[in-house]
Amino acid sequence: MLSPTELSKTLARTPLFEGAPEDVLSTMGNRMQMLRLSEGDILFNEGDLADGLYLVVKGRVSIWSGAVEIRERIEGEYVGELALIDDSPHSATVRAKTDATLLKLHRGDFHQVLSTSPQVATGLLRILGQKIKQDTVYQIAAVRQQEQHEYDLKRAHEIQTTMLPTGNFSLDWMHLTGKSQPAAQVGGDYYDYCQLPDGRVSVAIGDVAGHGFYSGLLVALVSSGFDFQMEIDPSPSSVLTALNKIVRNYRHMRMLMTFSYLIINHSDRTLTFANAGHPHPYLYRAKERRWNVLKSDNLPPLGTRLKFQPEPQHISWQSGDRLFLYSDGLTEERGTGEEEYGTDALERFLDNYALQSPHTMITALDAELAEFRGDNPLQDDLTVVIIHLL
């Protein structure tokens, strides 16, 4: 807590109260409310009712317009100045950039002092004039930055879209359909497939923790690494080991990525697969008329410093079998009551549509999730890959 003397000295050093008599400083100090914020705390949000000015006594706060940081305020500076003369809602969001201490001056208290102190009135006019000039400059800069940000996201979305497969993939012994839907303009989900020179088909699906620009950038690196590894050694052990190094060495920030990879061999009707922290695929056995979970070794997600030694599993498949691969955005999708879609609902869906074509299954799943989600936005990136083995 500041002593009355320290508080008066602090106020006297600010543009608003510069030159104000000691009794005015003492009165204002007694009426101001002290607030303490931890780093990241919100002081007020854009659209909140404004009822006073905040003086930064210690630390720093940042002013945000949407997703763009306009500027920061440091010790001795103000936020919310216009609230002293106008009751319009706040036009920006302010959050603590560091641990911070602030003093709040309510509009009503300020008006009582304003009528008795011309020095304070002069100070108010001075800082309001400065604020209007500064806000004009920073708002123009914020608009330009937001426009650039939106352009960058648009270009990143276009690039990512070109990296993911489009349409269906068909051979005389298999049909494959995949779909990836990002929660943001740029997503963190990934899937791909490749027919190898010897006729086998490799299929991959992955999920970077989170979504957005930097998740999309990591997806681009993994996609390039996957393509390159297909030329060198497409075996599950080699692919997961190589991609683990790419994610682990991602220098922009520490991120993790779950990944599931399999190779389908038509000549001997075998399936080789490995999994790194990703939801296990489902395999439908046509003769048994039921779905099985393809559980493999419990590798950690790509990017950790933990022991990483893939040990692929091998199983046989028969004509009529199907594979269903997905990201956890599917089972974690939220309904209108905030409940998750969940594994039980997914398995009921798989039972109901087990004999449908991959394209029909994805269309039906889209419709079911849309009804389940209602008006809620997509919570996480969502990717599904379905394979029918003929």
Protein backbone atom coordinates (compact mmCIF):
# COMPACT_ATOMS: atom_id res chain seq x y z
CA MET A 1 0.00 0.00 0.00
CA LEU A 2 1.17 3.52 -0.76
CA SER A 3 1.27 5.98 2.12
CA PRO A 4 -0.76 9.22 1.67
CA THR A 5 2.48 11.13 1.04
CA GLU A 6 3.71 8.61 -1.56
CA LEU A 7 0.31 8.65 -3.23
CA SER A 8 0.26 12.46 -3.48
CA LYS A 9 3.76 12.46 -4.95
CA THR A 10 2.78 9.79 -7.47
CA LEU A 11 -0.25 11.79 -8.60
CA ALA A 12 1.73 15.04 -8.78
CA ARG A 13 4.09 13.46 -11.33
CA THR A 14 1.25 12.63 -13.73
CA PRO A 15 0.04 14.96 -16.52
CA LEU A 16 -3.51 14.94 -15.18
CA PHE A 17 -2.68 16.27 -11.74
CA GLU A 18 0.51 18.19 -12.51
CA GLY A 19 0.29 21.56 -10.70
CA ALA A 20 -2.75 20.60 -8.62
CA PRO A 21 -2.81 21.90 -5.01
CA GLU A 22 -1.80 19.54 -2.24
CA ASP A 23 -5.34 19.37 -0.87
CA VAL A 24 -6.66 18.26 -4.28
CA LEU A 25 -3.98 15.56 -4.52
CA SER A 26 -4.83 14.39 -1.01
CA THR A 27 -8.57 14.30 -1.80
CA MET A 28 -8.04 12.37 -5.04
CA GLY A 29 -5.68 9.94 -3.37
CA ASN A 30 -8.25 9.16 -0.70
CA ARG A 31 -10.91 8.48 -3.33
CA MET A 32 -8.87 6.32 -5.71
CA GLN A 33 -9.18 2.54 -5.61
CA MET A 34 -6.01 0.41 -5.73
CA LEU A 35 -6.04 -2.67 -7.99
CA ARG A 36 -3.47 -5.42 -8.34
CA LEU A 37 -3.29 -7.61 -11.44
CA SER A 38 -1.23 -10.68 -12.20
CA GLU A 39 0.37 -11.09 -15.62
CA GLY A 40 -2.34 -11.93 -18.15
CA ASP A 41 -5.27 -10.70 -16.03
CA ILE A 42 -7.95 -8.69 -17.84
CA LEU A 43 -8.54 -5.17 -16.50
CA PHE A 44 -11.56 -4.66 -18.75
CA ASN A 45 -12.86 -6.01 -22.04
CA GLU A 46 -13.91 -4.17 -25.16
CA GLY A 47 -17.59 -3.36 -24.78
CA ASP A 48 -17.57 -3.27 -20.96
CA LEU A 49 -19.18 -0.25 -19.34
CA ALA A 50 -16.62 2.50 -18.68
CA ASP A 51 -16.82 4.38 -15.39
CA GLY A 52 -13.35 5.70 -14.67
CA LEU A 53 -9.67 6.17 -15.43
CA TYR A 54 -6.86 3.79 -14.44
CA LEU A 55 -3.37 5.02 -13.55
CA VAL A 56 -0.52 2.51 -13.88
CA VAL A 57 1.51 2.76 -10.68
CA LYS A 58 3.70 -0.30 -11.21
CA GLY A 59 4.24 -2.74 -14.08
CA ARG A 60 2.83 -2.62 -17.61
CA VAL A 61 -0.52 -3.20 -19.27
CA SER A 62 -1.29 -3.76 -22.95
CA ILE A 63 -4.18 -2.44 -25.02
CA TRP A 64 -5.75 -4.81 -27.56
CA SER A 65 -8.12 -4.23 -30.45
CA GLY A 66 -9.42 -7.65 -31.40
CA ALA A 67 -6.39 -9.91 -31.84
CA VAL A 68 -3.97 -7.01 -32.36
CA GLU A 69 -1.95 -5.39 -29.57
CA ILE A 70 -2.19 -1.64 -30.17
CA ARG A 71 0.30 -0.49 -27.56
CA GLU A 72 1.28 -0.78 -23.92
CA ARG A 73 1.04 1.60 -20.97
CA ILE A 74 3.83 1.89 -18.42
CA GLU A 75 4.18 3.43 -14.97
CA GLY A 76 2.69 6.93 -14.82
CA GLU A 77 0.46 6.43 -17.88
CA TYR A 78 -3.30 6.01 -18.09
CA VAL A 79 -5.94 3.83 -19.67
CA GLY A 80 -9.63 4.66 -19.84
CA GLU A 81 -9.18 8.44 -19.87
CA LEU A 82 -12.27 9.14 -21.94
CA ALA A 83 -14.44 7.42 -19.31
CA LEU A 84 -14.00 10.54 -17.15
CA ILE A 85 -16.17 12.57 -19.52
CA ASP A 86 -18.06 9.94 -21.51
CA ASP A 87 -20.09 6.89 -20.46
CA SER A 88 -19.62 4.98 -23.74
CA PRO A 89 -18.38 1.37 -23.44
CA HIS A 90 -14.66 0.68 -23.60
CA SER A 91 -13.38 0.55 -27.19
CA ALA A 92 -10.52 -1.87 -26.45
CA THR A 93 -9.44 -4.66 -24.10
CA VAL A 94 -6.71 -4.05 -21.52
CA ARG A 95 -4.75 -6.85 -19.87
CA ALA A 96 -1.72 -6.94 -17.60
CA LYS A 97 1.51 -7.50 -19.53
CA THR A 98 3.36 -7.97 -16.23
CA ASP A 99 2.23 -8.06 -12.64
CA ALA A 100 0.81 -4.57 -12.21
CA THR A 101 -0.59 -2.15 -9.64
CA LEU A 102 -3.12 0.46 -10.76
CA LEU A 103 -5.19 3.24 -9.20
CA LYS A 104 -8.76 3.72 -10.37
CA LEU A 105 -10.41 7.14 -10.37
CA HIS A 106 -14.20 6.90 -10.67
CA ARG A 107 -15.98 9.40 -12.90
CA GLY A 108 -18.20 10.76 -10.13
CA ASP A 109 -15.26 11.49 -7.81
CA PHE A 110 -13.38 13.19 -10.61
CA HIS A 111 -16.28 15.51 -11.47
CA GLN A 112 -16.51 16.69 -7.86
CA VAL A 113 -12.86 17.75 -7.86
CA LEU A 114 -12.97 19.14 -11.39
CA SER A 115 -15.38 21.92 -10.37
CA THR A 116 -13.01 23.18 -7.68
CA SER A 117 -9.60 22.84 -9.36
CA PRO A 118 -8.83 24.62 -12.67
CA GLN A 119 -5.38 22.98 -12.68
CA VAL A 120 -7.00 19.54 -12.90
CA ALA A 121 -9.32 20.74 -15.66
CA THR A 122 -6.29 21.98 -17.62
CA GLY A 123 -4.55 18.66 -17.09
CA LEU A 124 -7.58 16.76 -18.29
CA LEU A 125 -7.82 18.77 -21.51
CA ARG A 126 -4.11 18.22 -22.10
CA ILE A 127 -4.17 14.42 -21.74
CA LEU A 128 -7.42 14.06 -23.67
CA GLY A 129 -5.93 15.98 -26.58
CA GLN A 130 -2.86 13.75 -26.48
CA LYS A 131 -5.02 10.63 -26.28
CA ILE A 132 -7.12 11.58 -29.31
CA LYS A 133 -3.95 12.13 -31.37
CA GLN A 134 -2.35 8.90 -30.14
CA ASP A 135 -5.49 6.84 -30.64
CA THR A 136 -5.80 8.04 -34.23
CA VAL A 137 -2.22 7.00 -34.98
CA TYR A 138 -2.48 3.64 -33.22
CA GLN A 139 -5.88 2.78 -34.65
CA ILE A 140 -4.56 3.34 -38.17
CA ALA A 141 -1.54 1.15 -37.36
CA ALA A 142 -3.80 -1.52 -35.83
CA VAL A 143 -6.03 -1.60 -38.92
CA ARG A 144 -3.00 -1.99 -41.17
CA GLN A 145 -1.58 -4.72 -38.94
CA GLN A 146 -4.92 -6.54 -38.84
CA GLU A 147 -5.20 -6.35 -42.63
CA GLN A 148 -1.69 -7.80 -42.98
CA HIS A 149 -2.50 -10.50 -40.41
CA GLU A 150 -5.66 -11.49 -42.29
CA TYR A 151 -3.77 -11.53 -45.60
CA ASP A 152 -1.06 -13.77 -44.08
CA LEU A 153 -3.71 -16.15 -42.70
CA LYS A 154 -5.46 -16.25 -46.05
CA ARG A 155 -2.23 -17.12 -47.86
CA ALA A 156 -1.35 -19.72 -45.19
CA HIS A 157 -4.82 -21.26 -45.60
CA GLU A 158 -4.36 -21.42 -49.37
CA ILE A 159 -0.94 -23.05 -49.00
CA GLN A 160 -2.17 -25.57 -46.45
CA THR A 161 -5.17 -26.45 -48.59
CA THR A 162 -2.89 -27.29 -51.49
CA MET A 163 -0.82 -29.60 -49.25
CA LEU A 164 -3.76 -31.78 -48.19
CA PRO A 165 -5.16 -34.39 -50.60
CA THR A 166 -8.31 -33.53 -52.50
CA GLY A 167 -11.01 -35.88 -53.72
CA ASN A 168 -10.98 -39.67 -53.50
CA PHE A 169 -8.17 -42.14 -54.10
CA SER A 170 -9.09 -45.39 -55.79
CA LEU A 171 -7.28 -48.51 -56.96
CA ASP A 172 -8.77 -51.77 -58.14
CA TRP A 173 -8.35 -53.15 -54.61
CA MET A 174 -9.12 -50.13 -52.38
CA HIS A 175 -11.11 -46.90 -52.12
CA LEU A 176 -9.99 -44.04 -49.84
CA THR A 177 -11.73 -40.80 -48.86
CA GLY A 178 -10.41 -38.18 -46.45
CA LYS A 179 -11.53 -34.81 -45.18
CA SER A 180 -9.91 -32.22 -42.90
CA GLN A 181 -11.85 -29.29 -41.44
CA PRO A 182 -9.84 -26.66 -39.50
CA ALA A 183 -11.38 -24.90 -36.49
CA ALA A 184 -9.46 -21.75 -37.44
CA GLN A 185 -8.47 -20.41 -40.83
CA VAL A 186 -5.25 -22.41 -40.51
CA GLY A 187 -5.43 -25.80 -38.81
CA GLY A 188 -3.10 -28.21 -37.06
CA ASP A 189 -4.50 -31.45 -38.48
CA TYR A 190 -2.79 -33.35 -41.27
CA TYR A 191 -3.37 -36.40 -43.41
CA ASP A 192 -1.79 -37.80 -46.55
CA TYR A 193 -1.42 -40.98 -48.56
CA CYS A 194 1.02 -42.24 -51.15
CA GLN A 195 1.19 -45.19 -53.52
CA LEU A 196 4.70 -46.60 -53.27
CA PRO A 197 6.66 -47.88 -56.28
CA ASP A 198 6.04 -51.51 -55.26
CA GLY A 199 2.26 -51.00 -55.22
CA ARG A 200 1.78 -50.68 -51.46
CA VAL A 201 -0.12 -47.65 -50.10
CA SER A 202 1.01 -45.59 -47.12
CA VAL A 203 -1.51 -43.56 -45.12
CA ALA A 204 -0.76 -40.96 -42.44
CA ILE A 205 -2.81 -38.81 -40.11
CA GLY A 206 -1.55 -36.34 -37.50
CA ASP A 207 -2.66 -33.61 -35.12
CA VAL A 208 -0.53 -30.73 -33.82
CA ALA A 209 -1.51 -29.61 -30.32
CA GLY A 210 -3.61 -26.50 -30.98
CA HIS A 211 -4.49 -24.76 -34.21
CA GLY A 212 -3.63 -21.51 -35.92
CA PHE A 213 -0.71 -20.07 -37.84
CA TYR A 214 2.20 -21.77 -36.03
CA SER A 215 0.45 -25.15 -35.92
CA GLY A 216 -0.14 -24.82 -39.66
CA LEU A 217 3.53 -24.01 -40.19
CA LEU A 218 4.55 -27.17 -38.35
CA VAL A 219 2.08 -29.17 -40.46
CA ALA A 220 3.82 -27.81 -43.56
CA LEU A 221 7.21 -28.98 -42.26
CA VAL A 222 5.86 -32.43 -41.40
CA SER A 223 4.19 -32.70 -44.81
CA SER A 224 7.47 -31.94 -46.56
CA GLY A 225 9.32 -34.38 -44.31
CA PHE A 226 6.75 -37.08 -45.02
CA ASP A 227 7.10 -36.65 -48.79
CA PHE A 228 10.88 -36.75 -48.53
CA GLN A 229 10.84 -39.84 -46.31
CA MET A 230 8.64 -41.69 -48.81
CA GLU A 231 11.55 -41.45 -51.24
CA ILE A 232 14.10 -42.74 -48.73
CA ASP A 233 12.42 -45.34 -46.51
CA PRO A 234 8.62 -45.51 -46.08
CA SER A 235 8.69 -48.08 -43.27
CA PRO A 236 6.74 -47.04 -40.14
CA SER A 237 9.82 -47.08 -37.92
CA SER A 238 11.81 -44.81 -40.23
CA VAL A 239 8.91 -42.44 -40.93
CA LEU A 240 7.99 -41.87 -37.28
CA THR A 241 11.63 -41.52 -36.23
CA ALA A 242 12.31 -38.93 -38.95
CA LEU A 243 9.16 -36.92 -38.24
CA ASN A 244 9.84 -37.01 -34.51
CA LYS A 245 13.13 -35.22 -35.15
CA ILE A 246 11.41 -32.58 -37.30
CA VAL A 247 8.82 -31.79 -34.61
CA ARG A 248 11.36 -31.93 -31.79
CA ASN A 249 13.65 -29.49 -33.59
CA TYR A 250 10.88 -27.04 -34.54
CA ARG A 251 12.57 -23.83 -33.46
CA HIS A 252 9.72 -21.35 -33.37
CA MET A 253 8.10 -22.83 -30.26
CA ARG A 254 7.80 -26.14 -28.45
CA MET A 255 4.94 -28.15 -29.94
CA LEU A 256 3.81 -31.76 -29.95
CA MET A 257 2.08 -33.73 -32.67
CA THR A 258 0.22 -37.02 -32.48
CA PHE A 259 0.68 -39.26 -35.50
CA SER A 260 -0.65 -42.54 -36.86
CA TYR A 261 0.90 -44.24 -39.87
CA LEU A 262 0.19 -47.45 -41.74
CA ILE A 263 1.15 -49.31 -44.89
CA ILE A 264 -1.36 -51.45 -46.75
CA ASN A 265 0.06 -54.30 -48.83
CA HIS A 266 -2.25 -55.83 -51.42
CA SER A 267 0.06 -58.59 -52.62
CA ASP A 268 0.05 -60.45 -49.26
CA ARG A 269 -2.94 -58.62 -47.74
CA THR A 270 -1.07 -57.37 -44.71
CA LEU A 271 -1.27 -54.16 -42.76
CA THR A 272 1.72 -52.65 -40.95
CA PHE A 273 1.10 -49.75 -38.59
CA ALA A 274 2.54 -47.67 -35.76
CA ASN A 275 1.05 -44.96 -33.57
CA ALA A 276 2.56 -42.00 -31.71
CA GLY A 277 -0.01 -40.76 -29.21
CA HIS A 278 -2.78 -40.50 -31.82
CA PRO A 279 -6.29 -41.98 -31.41
CA HIS A 280 -6.08 -45.60 -32.53
CA PRO A 281 -7.64 -46.41 -35.92
CA TYR A 282 -10.62 -48.74 -36.24
CA LEU A 283 -10.57 -51.83 -38.46
CA TYR A 284 -13.86 -53.37 -39.58
CA ARG A 285 -13.65 -57.13 -40.06
CA ALA A 286 -16.20 -58.02 -42.73
CA LYS A 287 -16.36 -61.71 -41.78
CA GLU A 288 -16.83 -60.91 -38.09
CA ARG A 289 -19.13 -57.94 -38.85
CA ARG A 290 -17.59 -55.81 -36.15
CA TRP A 291 -15.07 -53.02 -35.62
CA ASN A 292 -11.78 -53.59 -33.79
CA VAL A 293 -9.39 -51.00 -32.38
CA LEU A 294 -5.91 -51.22 -33.89
CA LYS A 295 -3.87 -50.78 -30.73
CA SER A 296 -0.13 -50.50 -31.21
CA ASP A 297 2.84 -49.69 -28.99
CA ASN A 298 2.37 -46.71 -26.68
CA LEU A 299 4.74 -44.24 -28.28
CA PRO A 300 4.62 -40.65 -26.99
CA PRO A 301 3.57 -37.88 -29.41
CA LEU A 302 6.14 -36.59 -31.88
CA GLY A 303 8.38 -33.88 -30.44
CA THR A 304 8.97 -35.15 -26.91
CA ARG A 305 12.39 -35.88 -25.42
CA LEU A 306 11.19 -39.27 -24.22
CA LYS A 307 12.45 -42.60 -25.51
CA PHE A 308 11.18 -43.07 -29.05
CA GLN A 309 11.62 -46.53 -30.59
CA PRO A 310 8.71 -47.51 -32.87
CA GLU A 311 7.81 -51.19 -33.00
CA PRO A 312 5.30 -51.61 -35.85
CA GLN A 313 2.46 -54.10 -35.62
CA HIS A 314 1.52 -56.50 -38.44
CA ILE A 315 -1.91 -57.96 -39.13
CA SER A 316 -3.71 -59.48 -42.11
CA TRP A 317 -6.80 -58.12 -43.84
CA GLN A 318 -9.43 -59.54 -46.14
CA SER A 319 -11.70 -58.28 -48.88
CA GLY A 320 -14.54 -56.18 -47.45
CA ASP A 321 -12.54 -54.91 -44.44
CA ARG A 322 -12.49 -51.17 -43.74
CA LEU A 323 -10.28 -48.70 -41.91
CA PHE A 324 -11.40 -45.57 -40.06
CA LEU A 325 -8.76 -43.02 -38.98
CA TYR A 326 -9.60 -39.75 -37.20
CA SER A 327 -8.27 -36.91 -35.09
CA ASP A 328 -9.49 -36.29 -31.54
CA GLY A 329 -11.38 -33.20 -32.71
CA LEU A 330 -14.10 -35.69 -33.71
CA THR A 331 -14.72 -37.31 -30.32
CA GLU A 332 -14.08 -34.04 -28.43
CA GLU A 333 -16.60 -32.03 -30.49
CA ARG A 334 -19.02 -30.16 -28.21
CA GLY A 335 -22.80 -30.35 -28.44
CA THR A 336 -25.39 -27.72 -27.61
CA GLY A 337 -25.20 -28.71 -23.94
CA GLU A 338 -21.37 -28.61 -23.98
CA GLU A 339 -21.23 -32.42 -23.80
CA GLU A 340 -18.61 -34.22 -25.93
CA TYR A 341 -19.56 -36.34 -28.93
CA GLY A 342 -17.40 -39.10 -27.45
CA THR A 343 -16.24 -42.58 -28.37
CA ASP A 344 -19.60 -44.27 -27.72
CA ALA A 345 -21.38 -42.07 -30.25
CA LEU A 346 -18.60 -42.64 -32.78
CA GLU A 347 -18.81 -46.41 -32.39
CA ARG A 348 -22.61 -46.32 -32.79
CA PHE A 349 -22.13 -44.35 -35.98
CA LEU A 350 -19.54 -46.86 -37.27
CA ASP A 351 -21.90 -49.75 -36.57
CA ASN A 352 -24.75 -48.04 -38.40
CA TYR A 353 -22.70 -47.16 -41.49
CA ALA A 354 -20.20 -50.03 -41.57
CA LEU A 355 -21.31 -51.23 -45.02
CA GLN A 356 -21.61 -47.83 -46.68
CA SER A 357 -19.04 -46.35 -49.07
CA PRO A 358 -16.34 -44.10 -47.60
CA HIS A 359 -17.88 -41.07 -49.31
CA THR A 360 -21.34 -41.86 -47.89
CA MET A 361 -19.87 -42.37 -44.42
CA ILE A 362 -18.12 -38.99 -44.39
CA THR A 363 -21.23 -37.20 -45.69
CA ALA A 364 -23.39 -38.85 -43.01
CA LEU A 365 -20.83 -38.09 -40.28
CA ASP A 366 -20.73 -34.42 -41.31
CA ALA A 367 -24.51 -34.23 -41.02
CA GLU A 368 -24.58 -35.97 -37.63
CA LEU A 369 -21.89 -33.70 -36.18
CA ALA A 370 -23.57 -30.58 -37.54
CA GLU A 371 -26.82 -31.55 -35.82
CA PHE A 372 -24.95 -32.43 -32.61
CA ARG A 373 -22.99 -29.15 -32.63
CA GLY A 374 -25.97 -26.93 -33.37
CA ASP A 375 -24.97 -23.27 -33.47
CA ASN A 376 -21.69 -23.89 -31.65
CA PRO A 377 -18.53 -23.20 -33.64
CA LEU A 378 -16.14 -26.04 -34.38
CA GLN A 379 -14.05 -26.53 -31.23
CA ASP A 380 -10.99 -28.22 -32.75
CA ASP A 381 -9.60 -29.27 -36.11
CA LEU A 382 -11.38 -32.39 -37.33
CA THR A 383 -9.98 -34.95 -39.76
CA VAL A 384 -11.34 -38.30 -40.94
CA VAL A 385 -9.87 -40.88 -43.36
CA ILE A 386 -11.92 -43.93 -44.41
CA ILE A 387 -10.59 -46.84 -46.47
CA HIS A 388 -12.57 -49.66 -48.05
CA LEU A 389 -10.43 -52.70 -48.89
CA LEU A 390 -11.81 -54.66 -51.86
